[in-house]
């Protein structure tokens, strides 16, 4: 999700960097584009962590459901 945004930012940053000929352009890269890139990288990492946690929760829920079903079938016997 954020990887696409990061790719787009990198593409446009490189295009901008190729055309930079003065200190103002360099400061736009250093003070605007690079910090935005770092923030997007943080979002990518956070998103990956959330996905992993969601997977872990789904696995625990599945285990809990199977235990509940096993206990329920034993009580019916």
N, C-alpha and C. Protein backbone atom coordinates (compact mmCIF):
# COMPACT_ATOMS: atom_id res chain seq x y z
N UNK A 1 0.83 -1.19 0.00
CA UNK A 1 0.00 0.00 0.00
C UNK A 1 0.88 1.25 0.00
N UNK A 2 1.67 1.41 1.06
CA UNK A 2 2.55 2.58 1.11
C UNK A 2 3.77 2.40 0.22
N UNK A 3 4.07 1.16 -0.15
CA UNK A 3 5.20 0.91 -1.04
C UNK A 3 5.00 1.59 -2.38
N UNK A 4 3.77 1.60 -2.88
CA UNK A 4 3.47 2.28 -4.14
C UNK A 4 3.73 3.78 -4.02
N UNK A 5 3.29 4.35 -2.91
CA UNK A 5 3.49 5.79 -2.68
C UNK A 5 4.98 6.09 -2.60
N UNK A 6 5.72 5.22 -1.91
CA UNK A 6 7.16 5.40 -1.77
C UNK A 6 7.84 5.34 -3.15
N UNK A 7 7.40 4.42 -3.99
CA UNK A 7 7.96 4.32 -5.34
C UNK A 7 7.69 5.56 -6.16
N UNK A 8 6.48 6.08 -6.06
CA UNK A 8 6.13 7.30 -6.79
C UNK A 8 6.96 8.48 -6.29
N UNK A 9 7.09 8.59 -4.97
CA UNK A 9 7.89 9.68 -4.40
C UNK A 9 9.34 9.58 -4.86
N UNK A 10 9.90 8.37 -4.83
CA UNK A 10 11.29 8.19 -5.27
C UNK A 10 11.46 8.59 -6.73
N UNK A 11 10.52 8.20 -7.56
CA UNK A 11 10.59 8.53 -8.99
C UNK A 11 10.59 10.04 -9.20
N UNK A 12 9.68 10.73 -8.52
CA UNK A 12 9.58 12.17 -8.71
C UNK A 12 10.73 12.92 -8.03
N UNK A 13 11.21 12.38 -6.92
CA UNK A 13 12.35 13.00 -6.25
C UNK A 13 13.58 12.93 -7.14
N UNK A 14 13.80 11.77 -7.76
CA UNK A 14 14.95 11.63 -8.65
C UNK A 14 14.83 12.56 -9.86
N UNK A 15 13.63 12.66 -10.41
CA UNK A 15 13.42 13.57 -11.54
C UNK A 15 13.69 15.01 -11.12
N UNK A 16 13.23 15.37 -9.92
CA UNK A 16 13.47 16.72 -9.40
C UNK A 16 14.96 16.93 -9.15
N UNK A 17 15.60 15.92 -8.54
CA UNK A 17 17.03 16.01 -8.22
C UNK A 17 17.87 16.21 -9.49
N UNK A 18 17.47 15.54 -10.57
CA UNK A 18 18.19 15.68 -11.84
C UNK A 18 18.13 17.10 -12.38
N UNK A 19 17.08 17.81 -12.06
CA UNK A 19 16.92 19.17 -12.56
C UNK A 19 17.39 20.25 -11.60
N UNK A 20 17.82 19.87 -10.41
CA UNK A 20 18.22 20.86 -9.40
C UNK A 20 19.57 21.45 -9.78
N UNK A 21 19.60 22.77 -9.80
CA UNK A 21 20.85 23.45 -10.16
C UNK A 21 21.25 24.51 -9.12
N UNK A 22 20.47 24.64 -8.06
CA UNK A 22 20.79 25.68 -7.09
C UNK A 22 20.54 25.19 -5.65
N UNK A 23 20.91 26.03 -4.72
CA UNK A 23 20.78 25.69 -3.30
C UNK A 23 19.32 25.58 -2.88
N UNK A 24 18.45 26.38 -3.46
CA UNK A 24 17.03 26.31 -3.12
C UNK A 24 16.46 24.94 -3.47
N UNK A 25 16.77 24.46 -4.66
CA UNK A 25 16.30 23.13 -5.07
C UNK A 25 16.84 22.05 -4.15
N UNK A 26 18.11 22.16 -3.79
CA UNK A 26 18.72 21.19 -2.89
C UNK A 26 18.04 21.23 -1.52
N UNK A 27 17.66 22.42 -1.07
CA UNK A 27 17.00 22.53 0.23
C UNK A 27 15.58 21.94 0.17
N UNK A 28 14.92 22.01 -0.97
CA UNK A 28 13.60 21.39 -1.13
C UNK A 28 13.74 19.88 -0.93
N UNK A 29 14.77 19.30 -1.51
CA UNK A 29 15.01 17.87 -1.36
C UNK A 29 15.30 17.54 0.10
N UNK A 30 16.24 18.27 0.70
CA UNK A 30 16.68 17.97 2.07
C UNK A 30 15.60 18.28 3.11
N UNK A 31 14.87 19.37 2.92
CA UNK A 31 13.94 19.83 3.95
C UNK A 31 12.50 19.39 3.74
N UNK A 32 12.16 18.96 2.53
CA UNK A 32 10.77 18.57 2.24
C UNK A 32 10.68 17.11 1.80
N UNK A 33 11.35 16.79 0.71
CA UNK A 33 11.17 15.46 0.12
C UNK A 33 11.78 14.35 0.97
N UNK A 34 12.99 14.56 1.48
CA UNK A 34 13.61 13.52 2.31
C UNK A 34 12.82 13.25 3.59
N UNK A 35 12.34 14.28 4.32
CA UNK A 35 11.51 14.00 5.50
C UNK A 35 10.19 13.29 5.15
N UNK A 36 9.60 13.63 4.02
CA UNK A 36 8.38 12.94 3.59
C UNK A 36 8.70 11.47 3.35
N UNK A 37 9.84 11.19 2.72
CA UNK A 37 10.23 9.81 2.47
C UNK A 37 10.40 9.04 3.78
N UNK A 38 11.04 9.66 4.75
CA UNK A 38 11.22 9.00 6.05
C UNK A 38 9.88 8.70 6.70
N UNK A 39 8.94 9.63 6.61
CA UNK A 39 7.61 9.41 7.20
C UNK A 39 6.88 8.27 6.49
N UNK A 40 7.00 8.20 5.19
CA UNK A 40 6.35 7.12 4.44
C UNK A 40 7.00 5.78 4.80
N UNK A 41 8.31 5.76 4.99
CA UNK A 41 8.99 4.53 5.41
C UNK A 41 8.47 4.07 6.78
N UNK A 42 8.25 5.02 7.67
CA UNK A 42 7.69 4.69 8.99
C UNK A 42 6.28 4.11 8.83
N UNK A 43 5.48 4.71 7.96
CA UNK A 43 4.13 4.19 7.70
C UNK A 43 4.18 2.79 7.11
N UNK A 44 5.12 2.54 6.22
CA UNK A 44 5.29 1.19 5.64
C UNK A 44 5.58 0.18 6.74
N UNK A 45 6.49 0.52 7.61
CA UNK A 45 6.86 -0.37 8.70
C UNK A 45 5.67 -0.60 9.64
N UNK A 46 4.96 0.47 9.97
CA UNK A 46 3.80 0.36 10.84
C UNK A 46 2.73 -0.52 10.20
N UNK A 47 2.51 -0.34 8.90
CA UNK A 47 1.52 -1.13 8.18
C UNK A 47 1.89 -2.61 8.19
N UNK A 48 3.17 -2.92 7.98
CA UNK A 48 3.62 -4.31 8.04
C UNK A 48 3.40 -4.90 9.43
N UNK A 49 3.69 -4.11 10.47
CA UNK A 49 3.48 -4.58 11.84
C UNK A 49 2.00 -4.86 12.11
N UNK A 50 1.14 -3.98 11.64
CA UNK A 50 -0.30 -4.16 11.83
C UNK A 50 -0.78 -5.41 11.10
N UNK A 51 -0.29 -5.63 9.89
CA UNK A 51 -0.68 -6.83 9.15
C UNK A 51 -0.23 -8.09 9.88
N UNK A 52 0.97 -8.07 10.43
CA UNK A 52 1.47 -9.23 11.16
C UNK A 52 0.63 -9.47 12.42
N UNK A 53 0.29 -8.42 13.12
CA UNK A 53 -0.55 -8.56 14.31
C UNK A 53 -1.94 -9.08 13.96
N UNK A 54 -2.49 -8.62 12.85
CA UNK A 54 -3.80 -9.11 12.42
C UNK A 54 -3.73 -10.60 12.10
N UNK A 55 -2.64 -11.03 11.48
CA UNK A 55 -2.46 -12.45 11.19
C UNK A 55 -2.34 -13.25 12.49
N UNK A 56 -1.58 -12.74 13.44
CA UNK A 56 -1.44 -13.42 14.73
C UNK A 56 -2.79 -13.53 15.44
N UNK A 57 -3.56 -12.47 15.42
CA UNK A 57 -4.88 -12.47 16.06
C UNK A 57 -5.79 -13.48 15.38
N UNK A 58 -5.76 -13.52 14.06
CA UNK A 58 -6.59 -14.48 13.32
C UNK A 58 -6.22 -15.91 13.68
N UNK A 59 -4.93 -16.18 13.84
CA UNK A 59 -4.48 -17.52 14.21
C UNK A 59 -4.94 -17.89 15.62
N UNK A 60 -4.83 -16.97 16.55
CA UNK A 60 -5.27 -17.22 17.92
C UNK A 60 -6.78 -17.46 17.95
N UNK A 61 -7.52 -16.66 17.20
CA UNK A 61 -8.97 -16.85 17.15
C UNK A 61 -9.33 -18.21 16.56
N UNK A 62 -8.63 -18.61 15.53
CA UNK A 62 -8.88 -19.91 14.92
C UNK A 62 -8.59 -21.03 15.92
N UNK A 63 -7.50 -20.91 16.66
CA UNK A 63 -7.17 -21.90 17.68
C UNK A 63 -8.26 -21.93 18.77
N UNK A 64 -8.71 -20.75 19.19
CA UNK A 64 -9.76 -20.68 20.21
C UNK A 64 -11.05 -21.31 19.70
N UNK A 65 -11.39 -21.07 18.44
CA UNK A 65 -12.60 -21.66 17.88
C UNK A 65 -12.48 -23.19 17.82
N UNK A 66 -11.32 -23.68 17.45
CA UNK A 66 -11.17 -25.14 17.36
C UNK A 66 -11.22 -25.77 18.74
N UNK A 67 -10.69 -25.10 19.75
CA UNK A 67 -10.78 -25.61 21.13
C UNK A 67 -12.23 -25.62 21.59
N UNK A 68 -12.95 -24.54 21.31
CA UNK A 68 -14.35 -24.44 21.70
C UNK A 68 -15.18 -25.52 21.00
N UNK A 69 -14.93 -25.73 19.72
CA UNK A 69 -15.65 -26.77 18.99
C UNK A 69 -15.33 -28.16 19.53
N UNK A 70 -14.07 -28.40 19.86
CA UNK A 70 -13.67 -29.70 20.39
C UNK A 70 -14.33 -29.95 21.75
N UNK A 71 -14.36 -28.93 22.58
CA UNK A 71 -14.98 -29.06 23.89
C UNK A 71 -16.49 -29.27 23.76
N UNK A 72 -17.10 -28.56 22.81
CA UNK A 72 -18.54 -28.70 22.59
C UNK A 72 -18.92 -30.07 22.11
N UNK A 73 -18.10 -30.66 21.26
CA UNK A 73 -18.43 -31.99 20.75
C UNK A 73 -18.20 -33.05 21.84
N UNK A 74 -17.27 -32.81 22.72
CA UNK A 74 -17.04 -33.76 23.82
C UNK A 74 -18.20 -33.73 24.82
N UNK A 75 -18.78 -32.55 25.00
CA UNK A 75 -19.89 -32.44 25.94
C UNK A 75 -21.15 -33.10 25.40
N UNK A 76 -21.28 -33.16 24.09
CA UNK A 76 -22.47 -33.78 23.46
C UNK A 76 -22.42 -35.29 23.56
N UNK A 77 -21.28 -35.87 23.79
CA UNK A 77 -21.15 -37.34 23.82
C UNK A 77 -21.63 -37.92 25.11
